[in-house]
Amino acid sequence: MRLATFQPRPGVHCETSTLRNMLHHAGADISEPMLFGLGRGIDVQYWDGPEPGRTAPMLTGRIGPAELSRNACAALGAELRESRAPDGEAARAEAVKLLEAGHVVGVSVDIFHLDYFSSRSHFSAHCIAVYGLDGSLAHVVDTGQQGGAQTLPEESLRRARASDEGFLPSPHWQMYVERLPDRLLADTDAVLREQIWSAVRDTAGRMSRDHGPRRGLGALRTLAAEIAEWGETLADARESVPGVGRFWRFAGTGGANFRTLYRDFLHEARQRTGDAALDPLVEGFGEVRRRWEEATDLLMGYPGNDERGRRVLGTVAGLLAETAEAEQGLYERLFAVAAERAGEAE
C-alpha cells in the first residue's frame, strides 16, 4: 500500500516535518516554521546522561515529543489521533489500515535501526512520516538532512519502531490527522493570522518563567554552570565533548536549529500580520542562533583536557550564559507585545 498522490515535504526538524507532511496530504499547506510556532515548540530541557560521569547530559531545545503536534493541531482545529500498539505486528496492521484510508502516518523510531541514517547511536525520540508499506519495503519521509523521501526494508522500520533503547523511546507509537476543519481548507491564511498572537503569548510567557534547573532557561543556566568542568567530570572527554557538539549540530537536539525555526516563524508572522514590532525580535533570535552555533562549533573542535581545552569550555560556558540572558529578554519583550495583540484579537 502506497499513497499515490503523496508529495514529500522534507523539513529541518523531524516532528514538524512529519506533521507538515500529514497536513499537506490532508489538504493544508502550512510551513514548518509556522507549525513550530503554533505548536509552542521552543524550550530547553536538561537530562542526565544514562551513565552520569561517563556520558554527557542530553540537552534538547524543544518541548517533549508529540506535544508540539498536539498544540499545533489544537490551534488549527485539526483532529490529531495517537495510538500505541502492543507489538510490531499490530503496529504494522494499524499503519496499513490508516494508509488504506488515505492517511500519512507519523511514527516514532530509533535512528540506530534506520538503514539510511549514518549515526550508530540509539536515539528513539525521532519521528518520520510513513506513506507506503508493500510487504518488503517502507516508504518514508525524514528531514532534508537525512535525504527527505527514503525507501528502506520494512524489517528495518519494524526494528526502529520496536526499540526501547536510547533517549525517550516510544515503541509502536503512531499519529495521524483524521480530518481538517472546512475553514482551514478554505482560508488557511485567515486561520493562521488568528492563531499567531496567542501562540506567541503562550510560548513567551512560559519561557519567561522559572521552571527550575532542568526546564526552560533554568536548564540552559544549569548547563552553562556545569560545562566548564566537563573536561574533568566526563570520562574520555576528548571524544564525548565533540560528540555532544556533533549531536547538537546533526541530530538537532541543541538550541540553534530550534531558534532558527522560531526566528523563521516570527518572520512569517511579521509578513502575515504586518506588525513591525516583530522586526527587532526576529533580529534578536538571529543573534541567539549565532551564539548557539558558535558554542556548537567550539564543542566540535574541543582538543582535550589541556589548557586550550579548558579555555574552550570556559568560552562555551560564557556563551551559554549570555544566551540565557538574551533569550530571557527576548521572551519578556515578546510576551508584552503578544499579550497586547492577543487581547485586541479576542
C-alpha atoms as a PDB file:
ATOM      1  CA  MET A   1       0.000   0.000   0.000  1.00  0.00           C
ATOM      2  CA  ARG A   2       1.460   3.343  -1.100  1.00  0.00           C
ATOM      3  CA  LEU A   3      -0.250   6.737  -1.265  1.00  0.00           C
ATOM      4  CA  ALA A   4      -0.248   7.508  -4.990  1.00  0.00           C
ATOM      5  CA  THR A   5      -0.784  11.280  -4.724  1.00  0.00           C
ATOM      6  CA  PHE A   6       1.562  11.913  -1.830  1.00  0.00           C
ATOM      7  CA  GLN A   7       4.150  14.679  -2.348  1.00  0.00           C
ATOM      8  CA  PRO A   8       7.052  14.615   0.160  1.00  0.00           C
ATOM      9  CA  ARG A   9       7.801  17.799   2.112  1.00  0.00           C
ATOM     10  CA  PRO A  10      11.168  17.313   3.878  1.00  0.00           C
ATOM     11  CA  GLY A  11      11.993  19.752   6.640  1.00  0.00           C
ATOM     12  CA  VAL A  12      14.714  20.574   9.152  1.00  0.00           C
ATOM     13  CA  HIS A  13      13.176  19.020  12.275  1.00  0.00           C
ATOM     14  CA  CYS A  14      11.705  15.559  12.480  1.00  0.00           C
ATOM     15  CA  GLU A  15       8.346  16.164  14.189  1.00  0.00           C
ATOM     16  CA  THR A  16       7.420  19.386  12.411  1.00  0.00           C
ATOM     17  CA  SER A  17       8.462  17.827   9.104  1.00  0.00           C
ATOM     18  CA  THR A  18       6.266  14.792   9.821  1.00  0.00           C
ATOM     19  CA  LEU A  19       3.334  16.985  10.843  1.00  0.00           C
ATOM     20  CA  ARG A  20       3.711  19.118   7.739  1.00  0.00           C
ATOM     21  CA  ASN A  21       3.598  16.026   5.546  1.00  0.00           C
ATOM     22  CA  MET A  22       0.449  14.770   7.267  1.00  0.00           C
ATOM     23  CA  LEU A  23      -1.319  18.137   6.977  1.00  0.00           C
ATOM     24  CA  HIS A  24      -0.225  18.794   3.403  1.00  0.00           C
ATOM     25  CA  HIS A  25      -1.537  15.441   2.243  1.00  0.00           C
ATOM     26  CA  ALA A  26      -4.804  16.188   4.051  1.00  0.00           C
ATOM     27  CA  GLY A  27      -5.107  19.473   2.138  1.00  0.00           C
ATOM     28  CA  ALA A  28      -3.455  22.241   4.214  1.00  0.00           C
ATOM     29  CA  ASP A  29      -0.084  23.591   3.061  1.00  0.00           C
ATOM     30  CA  ILE A  30       1.489  25.177   6.153  1.00  0.00           C
ATOM     31  CA  SER A  31       5.180  25.958   6.533  1.00  0.00           C
ATOM     32  CA  GLU A  32       7.338  24.098   9.008  1.00  0.00           C
ATOM     33  CA  PRO A  33       8.283  27.260  10.980  1.00  0.00           C
ATOM     34  CA  MET A  34       4.598  28.195  11.296  1.00  0.00           C
ATOM     35  CA  LEU A  35       3.798  24.730  12.655  1.00  0.00           C
ATOM     36  CA  PHE A  36       6.687  25.010  15.116  1.00  0.00           C
ATOM     37  CA  GLY A  37       5.423  28.384  16.330  1.00  0.00           C
ATOM     38  CA  LEU A  38       1.771  27.383  16.579  1.00  0.00           C
ATOM     39  CA  GLY A  39       2.934  24.212  18.334  1.00  0.00           C
ATOM     40  CA  ARG A  40       4.571  26.293  21.085  1.00  0.00           C
ATOM     41  CA  GLY A  41       7.608  24.184  20.352  1.00  0.00           C
ATOM     42  CA  ILE A  42      10.585  26.065  21.746  1.00  0.00           C
ATOM     43  CA  ASP A  43      12.055  25.109  25.126  1.00  0.00           C
ATOM     44  CA  VAL A  44      15.231  23.870  26.812  1.00  0.00           C
ATOM     45  CA  GLN A  45      15.331  20.567  28.683  1.00  0.00           C
ATOM     46  CA  TYR A  46      18.317  19.110  30.511  1.00  0.00           C
ATOM     47  CA  TRP A  47      18.568  15.351  31.036  1.00  0.00           C
ATOM     48  CA  ASP A  48      21.331  13.434  32.792  1.00  0.00           C
ATOM     49  CA  GLY A  49      23.245  11.016  30.602  1.00  0.00           C
ATOM     50  CA  PRO A  50      22.424   7.315  31.009  1.00  0.00           C
ATOM     51  CA  GLU A  51      25.728   6.894  32.886  1.00  0.00           C
ATOM     52  CA  PRO A  52      26.426  10.183  34.732  1.00  0.00           C
ATOM     53  CA  GLY A  53      30.139  10.869  34.776  1.00  0.00           C
ATOM     54  CA  ARG A  54      30.710   8.667  31.756  1.00  0.00           C
ATOM     55  CA  THR A  55      28.192  10.051  29.289  1.00  0.00           C
ATOM     56  CA  ALA A  56      27.359  13.720  28.752  1.00  0.00           C
ATOM     57  CA  PRO A  57      23.966  15.157  29.675  1.00  0.00           C
ATOM     58  CA  MET A  58      21.339  15.441  26.944  1.00  0.00           C
ATOM     59  CA  LEU A  59      20.118  18.916  26.053  1.00  0.00           C
ATOM     60  CA  THR A  60      17.005  19.458  23.971  1.00  0.00           C
ATOM     61  CA  GLY A  61      15.850  22.786  22.570  1.00  0.00           C
ATOM     62  CA  ARG A  62      12.149  21.946  22.281  1.00  0.00           C
ATOM     63  CA  ILE A  63       9.158  20.651  24.226  1.00  0.00           C
ATOM     64  CA  GLY A  64       8.544  16.930  24.577  1.00  0.00           C
ATOM     65  CA  PRO A  65       7.737  14.507  21.755  1.00  0.00           C
ATOM     66  CA  ALA A  66       4.197  14.820  20.341  1.00  0.00           C
ATOM     67  CA  GLU A  67       3.392  17.894  22.497  1.00  0.00           C
ATOM     68  CA  LEU A  68       4.185  20.136  19.555  1.00  0.00           C
ATOM     69  CA  SER A  69       1.855  18.250  17.199  1.00  0.00           C
ATOM     70  CA  ARG A  70      -0.949  18.307  19.752  1.00  0.00           C
ATOM     71  CA  ASN A  71      -0.573  22.053  20.278  1.00  0.00           C
ATOM     72  CA  ALA A  72      -0.387  22.871  16.573  1.00  0.00           C
ATOM     73  CA  CYS A  73      -3.370  20.718  15.669  1.00  0.00           C
ATOM     74  CA  ALA A  74      -5.407  22.224  18.512  1.00  0.00           C
ATOM     75  CA  ALA A  75      -4.603  25.709  17.186  1.00  0.00           C
ATOM     76  CA  LEU A  76      -5.624  24.699  13.656  1.00  0.00           C
ATOM     77  CA  GLY A  77      -8.726  22.798  14.711  1.00  0.00           C
ATOM     78  CA  ALA A  78      -7.313  19.605  13.178  1.00  0.00           C
ATOM     79  CA  GLU A  79      -8.187  16.236  14.700  1.00  0.00           C
ATOM     80  CA  LEU A  80      -4.943  14.514  15.685  1.00  0.00           C
ATOM     81  CA  ARG A  81      -5.145  10.855  16.649  1.00  0.00           C
ATOM     82  CA  GLU A  82      -2.448   8.920  18.526  1.00  0.00           C
ATOM     83  CA  SER A  83      -2.136   5.256  19.403  1.00  0.00           C
ATOM     84  CA  ARG A  84       0.357   2.743  20.728  1.00  0.00           C
ATOM     85  CA  ALA A  85       0.125  -0.858  19.524  1.00  0.00           C
ATOM     86  CA  PRO A  86       1.055  -3.791  21.790  1.00  0.00           C
ATOM     87  CA  ASP A  87       3.592  -5.252  19.357  1.00  0.00           C
ATOM     88  CA  GLY A  88       5.177  -4.874  15.941  1.00  0.00           C
ATOM     89  CA  GLU A  89       2.599  -6.935  14.080  1.00  0.00           C
ATOM     90  CA  ALA A  90      -0.277  -4.872  15.455  1.00  0.00           C
ATOM     91  CA  ALA A  91       1.613  -1.641  14.774  1.00  0.00           C
ATOM     92  CA  ARG A  92       2.107  -2.578  11.120  1.00  0.00           C
ATOM     93  CA  ALA A  93      -1.534  -3.628  10.760  1.00  0.00           C
ATOM     94  CA  GLU A  94      -2.706  -0.287  12.155  1.00  0.00           C
ATOM     95  CA  ALA A  95      -0.374   1.617   9.829  1.00  0.00           C
ATOM     96  CA  VAL A  96      -1.592  -0.295   6.777  1.00  0.00           C
ATOM     97  CA  LYS A  97      -5.210   0.363   7.737  1.00  0.00           C
ATOM     98  CA  LEU A  98      -4.501   4.092   8.009  1.00  0.00           C
ATOM     99  CA  LEU A  99      -2.632   4.158   4.694  1.00  0.00           C
ATOM    100  CA  GLU A 100      -5.557   2.397   3.017  1.00  0.00           C
ATOM    101  CA  ALA A 101      -7.812   5.123   4.430  1.00  0.00           C
ATOM    102  CA  GLY A 102      -5.589   7.750   2.794  1.00  0.00           C
ATOM    103  CA  HIS A 103      -3.631   8.990   5.816  1.00  0.00           C
ATOM    104  CA  VAL A 104       0.083   9.701   6.152  1.00  0.00           C
ATOM    105  CA  VAL A 105       1.251   8.047   9.378  1.00  0.00           C
ATOM    106  CA  GLY A 106       3.735   9.612  11.774  1.00  0.00           C
ATOM    107  CA  VAL A 107       5.771   7.078  13.782  1.00  0.00           C
ATOM    108  CA  SER A 108       8.437   7.269  16.491  1.00  0.00           C
ATOM    109  CA  VAL A 109      11.672   5.432  15.704  1.00  0.00           C
ATOM    110  CA  ASP A 110      15.164   4.689  16.973  1.00  0.00           C
ATOM    111  CA  ILE A 111      17.579   6.128  14.401  1.00  0.00           C
ATOM    112  CA  PHE A 112      20.067   3.299  15.060  1.00  0.00           C
ATOM    113  CA  HIS A 113      17.900   0.895  13.029  1.00  0.00           C
ATOM    114  CA  LEU A 114      17.217   3.157  10.027  1.00  0.00           C
ATOM    115  CA  ASP A 115      19.354   1.958   7.118  1.00  0.00           C
ATOM    116  CA  TYR A 116      19.869   5.422   5.642  1.00  0.00           C
ATOM    117  CA  PHE A 117      20.938   7.016   8.964  1.00  0.00           C
ATOM    118  CA  SER A 118      24.694   7.294   9.443  1.00  0.00           C
ATOM    119  CA  SER A 119      24.520   7.551  13.257  1.00  0.00           C
ATOM    120  CA  ARG A 120      25.449   4.440  15.211  1.00  0.00           C
ATOM    121  CA  SER A 121      23.881   5.767  18.409  1.00  0.00           C
ATOM    122  CA  HIS A 122      20.486   4.809  19.800  1.00  0.00           C
ATOM    123  CA  PHE A 123      18.124   7.795  19.785  1.00  0.00           C
ATOM    124  CA  SER A 124      14.436   6.947  19.959  1.00  0.00           C
ATOM    125  CA  ALA A 125      12.878  10.420  20.135  1.00  0.00           C
ATOM    126  CA  HIS A 126      12.873  10.647  16.338  1.00  0.00           C
ATOM    127  CA  CYS A 127       9.792  10.898  14.151  1.00  0.00           C
ATOM    128  CA  ILE A 128       9.231  10.108  10.469  1.00  0.00           C
ATOM    129  CA  ALA A 129       6.264  10.094   8.101  1.00  0.00           C
ATOM    130  CA  VAL A 130       5.264   6.765   6.555  1.00  0.00           C
ATOM    131  CA  TYR A 131       3.454   6.909   3.207  1.00  0.00           C
ATOM    132  CA  GLY A 132       3.858   3.355   1.934  1.00  0.00           C
ATOM    133  CA  LEU A 133       4.293  -0.264   3.075  1.00  0.00           C
ATOM    134  CA  ASP A 134       4.371  -3.018   0.472  1.00  0.00           C
ATOM    135  CA  GLY A 135       5.418  -6.087   2.447  1.00  0.00           C
ATOM    136  CA  SER A 136       9.143  -5.759   1.888  1.00  0.00           C
ATOM    137  CA  LEU A 137       9.841  -2.032   1.607  1.00  0.00           C
ATOM    138  CA  ALA A 138       8.750   1.008   3.596  1.00  0.00           C
ATOM    139  CA  HIS A 139       8.436   4.458   2.020  1.00  0.00           C
ATOM    140  CA  VAL A 140       9.063   7.276   4.489  1.00  0.00           C
ATOM    141  CA  VAL A 141       9.952  10.955   4.719  1.00  0.00           C
ATOM    142  CA  ASP A 142      12.690  12.110   7.080  1.00  0.00           C
ATOM    143  CA  THR A 143      14.339  15.521   7.387  1.00  0.00           C
ATOM    144  CA  GLY A 144      16.148  17.085   4.450  1.00  0.00           C
ATOM    145  CA  GLN A 145      19.454  16.398   6.193  1.00  0.00           C
ATOM    146  CA  GLN A 146      18.633  12.683   6.073  1.00  0.00           C
ATOM    147  CA  GLY A 147      17.692  12.806   2.400  1.00  0.00           C
ATOM    148  CA  GLY A 148      13.965  13.534   2.643  1.00  0.00           C
ATOM    149  CA  ALA A 149      11.961  10.756   0.986  1.00  0.00           C
ATOM    150  CA  GLN A 150      13.600   7.388   1.652  1.00  0.00           C
ATOM    151  CA  THR A 151      12.928   3.727   0.936  1.00  0.00           C
ATOM    152  CA  LEU A 152      14.155   1.109   3.390  1.00  0.00           C
ATOM    153  CA  PRO A 153      13.418  -2.531   4.242  1.00  0.00           C
ATOM    154  CA  GLU A 154      10.243  -2.933   6.257  1.00  0.00           C
ATOM    155  CA  GLU A 155      12.213  -5.063   8.688  1.00  0.00           C
ATOM    156  CA  SER A 156      14.456  -2.080   9.472  1.00  0.00           C
ATOM    157  CA  LEU A 157      11.421   0.095  10.120  1.00  0.00           C
ATOM    158  CA  ARG A 158       9.932  -2.626  12.326  1.00  0.00           C
ATOM    159  CA  ARG A 159      13.097  -2.744  14.465  1.00  0.00           C
ATOM    160  CA  ALA A 160      13.255   1.054  14.631  1.00  0.00           C
ATOM    161  CA  ARG A 161       9.634   1.250  15.798  1.00  0.00           C
ATOM    162  CA  ALA A 162      10.027  -1.533  18.357  1.00  0.00           C
ATOM    163  CA  SER A 163      13.207  -0.255  20.002  1.00  0.00           C
ATOM    164  CA  ASP A 164      13.134   0.553  23.703  1.00  0.00           C
ATOM    165  CA  GLU A 165      16.732   1.817  23.751  1.00  0.00           C
ATOM    166  CA  GLY A 166      18.072   5.334  23.586  1.00  0.00           C
ATOM    167  CA  PHE A 167      16.503   8.639  24.561  1.00  0.00           C
ATOM    168  CA  LEU A 168      12.729   8.725  25.315  1.00  0.00           C
ATOM    169  CA  PRO A 169      11.663   5.529  23.499  1.00  0.00           C
ATOM    170  CA  SER A 170       8.005   5.170  22.459  1.00  0.00           C
ATOM    171  CA  PRO A 171       7.726   1.680  20.945  1.00  0.00           C
ATOM    172  CA  HIS A 172       4.959   1.189  18.378  1.00  0.00           C
ATOM    173  CA  TRP A 173       3.581   4.744  18.776  1.00  0.00           C
ATOM    174  CA  GLN A 174       1.989   6.495  15.815  1.00  0.00           C
ATOM    175  CA  MET A 175      -0.157   9.512  14.956  1.00  0.00           C
ATOM    176  CA  TYR A 176      -2.236  10.764  12.062  1.00  0.00           C
ATOM    177  CA  VAL A 177      -4.556  13.630  11.179  1.00  0.00           C
ATOM    178  CA  GLU A 178      -8.100  12.303  10.933  1.00  0.00           C
ATOM    179  CA  ARG A 179      -9.725  15.381   9.424  1.00  0.00           C
ATOM    180  CA  LEU A 180      -9.234  19.101   8.887  1.00  0.00           C
ATOM    181  CA  PRO A 181     -11.890  21.754   9.539  1.00  0.00           C
ATOM    182  CA  ASP A 182     -13.551  23.201   6.449  1.00  0.00           C
ATOM    183  CA  ARG A 183     -12.410  26.718   7.300  1.00  0.00           C
ATOM    184  CA  LEU A 184      -8.754  25.712   7.450  1.00  0.00           C
ATOM    185  CA  LEU A 185      -9.063  24.188   3.992  1.00  0.00           C
ATOM    186  CA  ALA A 186     -10.972  27.179   2.595  1.00  0.00           C
ATOM    187  CA  ASP A 187      -8.948  30.024   4.168  1.00  0.00           C
ATOM    188  CA  THR A 188      -5.713  28.783   5.679  1.00  0.00           C
ATOM    189  CA  ASP A 189      -4.221  32.277   5.848  1.00  0.00           C
ATOM    190  CA  ALA A 190      -7.071  33.649   7.972  1.00  0.00           C
ATOM    191  CA  VAL A 191      -6.809  30.767  10.451  1.00  0.00           C
ATOM    192  CA  LEU A 192      -3.060  31.266  10.801  1.00  0.00           C
ATOM    193  CA  ARG A 193      -3.375  35.023  11.361  1.00  0.00           C
ATOM    194  CA  GLU A 194      -5.960  34.422  14.074  1.00  0.00           C
ATOM    195  CA  GLN A 195      -3.724  31.964  15.936  1.00  0.00           C
ATOM    196  CA  ILE A 196      -0.316  33.651  15.743  1.00  0.00           C
ATOM    197  CA  TRP A 197      -0.508  36.051  18.684  1.00  0.00           C
ATOM    198  CA  SER A 198      -1.955  33.603  21.195  1.00  0.00           C
ATOM    199  CA  ALA A 199       0.767  31.094  20.264  1.00  0.00           C
ATOM    200  CA  VAL A 200       3.486  33.728  20.731  1.00  0.00           C
ATOM    201  CA  ARG A 201       1.971  34.872  24.027  1.00  0.00           C
ATOM    202  CA  ASP A 202       1.766  31.328  25.413  1.00  0.00           C
ATOM    203  CA  THR A 203       5.314  30.443  24.403  1.00  0.00           C
ATOM    204  CA  ALA A 204       6.902  33.695  25.550  1.00  0.00           C
ATOM    205  CA  GLY A 205       5.026  33.584  28.852  1.00  0.00           C
ATOM    206  CA  ARG A 206       6.165  30.034  29.567  1.00  0.00           C
ATOM    207  CA  MET A 207       9.772  30.720  28.589  1.00  0.00           C
ATOM    208  CA  SER A 208       9.871  33.892  30.732  1.00  0.00           C
ATOM    209  CA  ARG A 209       9.000  31.986  33.907  1.00  0.00           C
ATOM    210  CA  ASP A 210      11.294  29.952  36.155  1.00  0.00           C
ATOM    211  CA  HIS A 211      10.781  26.187  35.789  1.00  0.00           C
ATOM    212  CA  GLY A 212      13.709  25.058  37.919  1.00  0.00           C
ATOM    213  CA  PRO A 213      17.178  23.840  36.913  1.00  0.00           C
ATOM    214  CA  ARG A 214      16.082  21.239  34.325  1.00  0.00           C
ATOM    215  CA  ARG A 215      13.488  23.037  32.206  1.00  0.00           C
ATOM    216  CA  GLY A 216      13.333  26.305  30.306  1.00  0.00           C
ATOM    217  CA  LEU A 217      16.077  28.873  30.649  1.00  0.00           C
ATOM    218  CA  GLY A 218      16.964  27.416  34.053  1.00  0.00           C
ATOM    219  CA  ALA A 219      18.161  24.315  32.183  1.00  0.00           C
ATOM    220  CA  LEU A 220      20.386  26.437  29.965  1.00  0.00           C
ATOM    221  CA  ARG A 221      21.830  28.180  33.028  1.00  0.00           C
ATOM    222  CA  THR A 222      22.463  24.770  34.629  1.00  0.00           C
ATOM    223  CA  LEU A 223      24.402  23.656  31.576  1.00  0.00           C
ATOM    224  CA  ALA A 224      26.354  26.932  31.488  1.00  0.00           C
ATOM    225  CA  ALA A 225      27.350  26.405  35.124  1.00  0.00           C
ATOM    226  CA  GLU A 226      28.494  22.814  34.587  1.00  0.00           C
ATOM    227  CA  ILE A 227      30.025  22.660  31.118  1.00  0.00           C
ATOM    228  CA  ALA A 228      33.316  24.360  32.001  1.00  0.00           C
ATOM    229  CA  GLU A 229      34.149  21.319  34.160  1.00  0.00           C
ATOM    230  CA  TRP A 230      33.306  18.659  31.578  1.00  0.00           C
ATOM    231  CA  GLY A 231      36.966  18.045  30.859  1.00  0.00           C
ATOM    232  CA  GLU A 232      37.343  16.855  34.469  1.00  0.00           C
ATOM    233  CA  THR A 233      33.940  15.277  35.119  1.00  0.00           C
ATOM    234  CA  LEU A 234      33.372  13.303  31.905  1.00  0.00           C
ATOM    235  CA  ALA A 235      35.233  10.101  31.117  1.00  0.00           C
ATOM    236  CA  ASP A 236      37.020  10.306  27.748  1.00  0.00           C
ATOM    237  CA  ALA A 237      36.121  13.981  27.369  1.00  0.00           C
ATOM    238  CA  ARG A 238      38.212  14.252  24.217  1.00  0.00           C
ATOM    239  CA  GLU A 239      35.645  12.032  22.470  1.00  0.00           C
ATOM    240  CA  SER A 240      32.443  12.784  24.380  1.00  0.00           C
ATOM    241  CA  VAL A 241      32.591  16.596  24.255  1.00  0.00           C
ATOM    242  CA  PRO A 242      32.917  16.820  20.441  1.00  0.00           C
ATOM    243  CA  GLY A 243      30.232  14.142  20.286  1.00  0.00           C
ATOM    244  CA  VAL A 244      27.833  16.496  22.079  1.00  0.00           C
ATOM    245  CA  GLY A 245      28.635  19.192  19.518  1.00  0.00           C
ATOM    246  CA  ARG A 246      28.018  16.831  16.626  1.00  0.00           C
ATOM    247  CA  PHE A 247      24.729  15.747  18.171  1.00  0.00           C
ATOM    248  CA  TRP A 248      23.621  19.350  18.592  1.00  0.00           C
ATOM    249  CA  ARG A 249      24.539  20.114  15.001  1.00  0.00           C
ATOM    250  CA  PHE A 250      23.462  16.999  13.118  1.00  0.00           C
ATOM    251  CA  ALA A 251      20.770  15.440  15.320  1.00  0.00           C
ATOM    252  CA  GLY A 252      19.235  18.824  16.019  1.00  0.00           C
ATOM    253  CA  THR A 253      18.954  18.448  19.799  1.00  0.00           C
ATOM    254  CA  GLY A 254      20.745  21.700  20.622  1.00  0.00           C
ATOM    255  CA  GLY A 255      19.276  25.164  20.521  1.00  0.00           C
ATOM    256  CA  ALA A 256      20.408  26.518  17.156  1.00  0.00           C
ATOM    257  CA  ASN A 257      18.030  24.538  14.945  1.00  0.00           C
ATOM    258  CA  PHE A 258      15.011  25.371  17.071  1.00  0.00           C
ATOM    259  CA  ARG A 259      15.933  29.037  17.479  1.00  0.00           C
ATOM    260  CA  THR A 260      16.254  29.194  13.698  1.00  0.00           C
ATOM    261  CA  LEU A 261      12.780  27.714  13.313  1.00  0.00           C
ATOM    262  CA  TYR A 262      11.373  30.183  15.838  1.00  0.00           C
ATOM    263  CA  ARG A 263      13.078  33.125  14.138  1.00  0.00           C
ATOM    264  CA  ASP A 264      11.584  31.997  10.830  1.00  0.00           C
ATOM    265  CA  PHE A 265       8.164  31.635  12.481  1.00  0.00           C
ATOM    266  CA  LEU A 266       8.379  35.210  13.778  1.00  0.00           C
ATOM    267  CA  HIS A 267       9.480  36.380  10.324  1.00  0.00           C
ATOM    268  CA  GLU A 268       6.451  34.689   8.749  1.00  0.00           C
ATOM    269  CA  ALA A 269       4.241  36.133  11.498  1.00  0.00           C
ATOM    270  CA  ARG A 270       5.592  39.591  10.594  1.00  0.00           C
ATOM    271  CA  GLN A 271       4.681  39.015   6.952  1.00  0.00           C
ATOM    272  CA  ARG A 272       1.193  37.739   7.736  1.00  0.00           C
ATOM    273  CA  THR A 273       0.294  40.350  10.365  1.00  0.00           C
ATOM    274  CA  GLY A 274       2.239  43.324   9.014  1.00  0.00           C
ATOM    275  CA  ASP A 275       3.268  44.155  12.607  1.00  0.00           C
ATOM    276  CA  ALA A 276       6.641  45.958  12.657  1.00  0.00           C
ATOM    277  CA  ALA A 277       7.027  45.314  16.404  1.00  0.00           C
ATOM    278  CA  LEU A 278       8.311  41.856  15.428  1.00  0.00           C
ATOM    279  CA  ASP A 279      11.267  43.167  13.401  1.00  0.00           C
ATOM    280  CA  PRO A 280      13.764  43.609  16.287  1.00  0.00           C
ATOM    281  CA  LEU A 281      12.651  40.328  17.809  1.00  0.00           C
ATOM    282  CA  VAL A 282      13.336  38.454  14.569  1.00  0.00           C
ATOM    283  CA  GLU A 283      16.810  40.032  14.586  1.00  0.00           C
ATOM    284  CA  GLY A 284      17.263  39.111  18.236  1.00  0.00           C
ATOM    285  CA  PHE A 285      16.571  35.437  17.598  1.00  0.00           C
ATOM    286  CA  GLY A 286      19.028  35.567  14.714  1.00  0.00           C
ATOM    287  CA  GLU A 287      21.701  36.691  17.183  1.00  0.00           C
ATOM    288  CA  VAL A 288      20.690  33.974  19.663  1.00  0.00           C
ATOM    289  CA  ARG A 289      21.026  31.423  16.885  1.00  0.00           C
ATOM    290  CA  ARG A 290      24.541  32.722  16.126  1.00  0.00           C
ATOM    291  CA  ARG A 291      25.588  32.180  19.760  1.00  0.00           C
ATOM    292  CA  TRP A 292      24.262  28.624  19.760  1.00  0.00           C
ATOM    293  CA  GLU A 293      26.114  27.890  16.518  1.00  0.00           C
ATOM    294  CA  GLU A 294      29.343  29.331  17.910  1.00  0.00           C
ATOM    295  CA  ALA A 295      29.052  27.191  21.046  1.00  0.00           C
ATOM    296  CA  THR A 296      28.439  24.109  18.898  1.00  0.00           C
ATOM    297  CA  ASP A 297      31.476  24.844  16.713  1.00  0.00           C
ATOM    298  CA  LEU A 298      33.658  25.163  19.802  1.00  0.00           C
ATOM    299  CA  LEU A 299      32.435  21.859  21.257  1.00  0.00           C
ATOM    300  CA  MET A 300      33.032  20.061  17.960  1.00  0.00           C
ATOM    301  CA  GLY A 301      36.609  21.376  17.941  1.00  0.00           C
ATOM    302  CA  TYR A 302      37.346  20.572  21.586  1.00  0.00           C
ATOM    303  CA  PRO A 303      41.018  19.428  21.694  1.00  0.00           C
ATOM    304  CA  GLY A 304      41.026  17.556  25.002  1.00  0.00           C
ATOM    305  CA  ASN A 305      41.567  18.370  28.651  1.00  0.00           C
ATOM    306  CA  ASP A 306      44.605  20.630  28.341  1.00  0.00           C
ATOM    307  CA  GLU A 307      44.890  24.360  28.875  1.00  0.00           C
ATOM    308  CA  ARG A 308      43.450  25.116  25.446  1.00  0.00           C
ATOM    309  CA  GLY A 309      40.574  22.704  26.050  1.00  0.00           C
ATOM    310  CA  ARG A 310      39.777  24.364  29.375  1.00  0.00           C
ATOM    311  CA  ARG A 311      39.665  27.736  27.641  1.00  0.00           C
ATOM    312  CA  VAL A 312      37.304  26.316  25.019  1.00  0.00           C
ATOM    313  CA  LEU A 313      34.870  25.012  27.616  1.00  0.00           C
ATOM    314  CA  GLY A 314      35.094  28.259  29.569  1.00  0.00           C
ATOM    315  CA  THR A 315      34.207  30.190  26.419  1.00  0.00           C
ATOM    316  CA  VAL A 316      31.262  27.864  25.738  1.00  0.00           C
ATOM    317  CA  ALA A 317      30.039  28.353  29.317  1.00  0.00           C
ATOM    318  CA  GLY A 318      30.153  32.114  28.831  1.00  0.00           C
ATOM    319  CA  LEU A 319      28.314  31.915  25.519  1.00  0.00           C
ATOM    320  CA  LEU A 320      25.541  29.781  27.003  1.00  0.00           C
ATOM    321  CA  ALA A 321      25.152  32.108  29.992  1.00  0.00           C
ATOM    322  CA  GLU A 322      24.926  35.096  27.630  1.00  0.00           C
ATOM    323  CA  THR A 323      22.424  33.202  25.503  1.00  0.00           C
ATOM    324  CA  ALA A 324      20.198  32.503  28.501  1.00  0.00           C
ATOM    325  CA  GLU A 325      20.109  36.211  29.384  1.00  0.00           C
ATOM    326  CA  ALA A 326      19.499  37.216  25.762  1.00  0.00           C
ATOM    327  CA  GLU A 327      16.639  34.733  25.420  1.00  0.00           C
ATOM    328  CA  GLN A 328      15.127  35.891  28.724  1.00  0.00           C
ATOM    329  CA  GLY A 329      14.985  39.448  27.439  1.00  0.00           C
ATOM    330  CA  LEU A 330      13.540  38.398  24.079  1.00  0.00           C
ATOM    331  CA  TYR A 331      10.757  36.338  25.630  1.00  0.00           C
ATOM    332  CA  GLU A 332       9.822  39.131  28.012  1.00  0.00           C
ATOM    333  CA  ARG A 333       9.575  41.602  25.121  1.00  0.00           C
ATOM    334  CA  LEU A 334       7.669  39.101  23.007  1.00  0.00           C
ATOM    335  CA  PHE A 335       5.206  38.464  25.799  1.00  0.00           C
ATOM    336  CA  ALA A 336       4.490  42.163  26.236  1.00  0.00           C
ATOM    337  CA  VAL A 337       3.769  42.607  22.518  1.00  0.00           C
ATOM    338  CA  ALA A 338       1.819  39.362  22.077  1.00  0.00           C
ATOM    339  CA  ALA A 339      -0.316  39.820  25.199  1.00  0.00           C
ATOM    340  CA  GLU A 340      -1.463  43.202  23.887  1.00  0.00           C
ATOM    341  CA  ARG A 341      -2.110  41.905  20.356  1.00  0.00           C
ATOM    342  CA  ALA A 342      -3.850  38.726  21.502  1.00  0.00           C
ATOM    343  CA  GLY A 343      -6.048  40.775  23.811  1.00  0.00           C
ATOM    344  CA  GLU A 344      -7.055  43.026  20.931  1.00  0.00           C
ATOM    345  CA  ALA A 345      -7.954  39.999  18.811  1.00  0.00           C
ATOM    346  CA  GLU A 346     -10.171  38.411  21.466  1.00  0.00           C
END
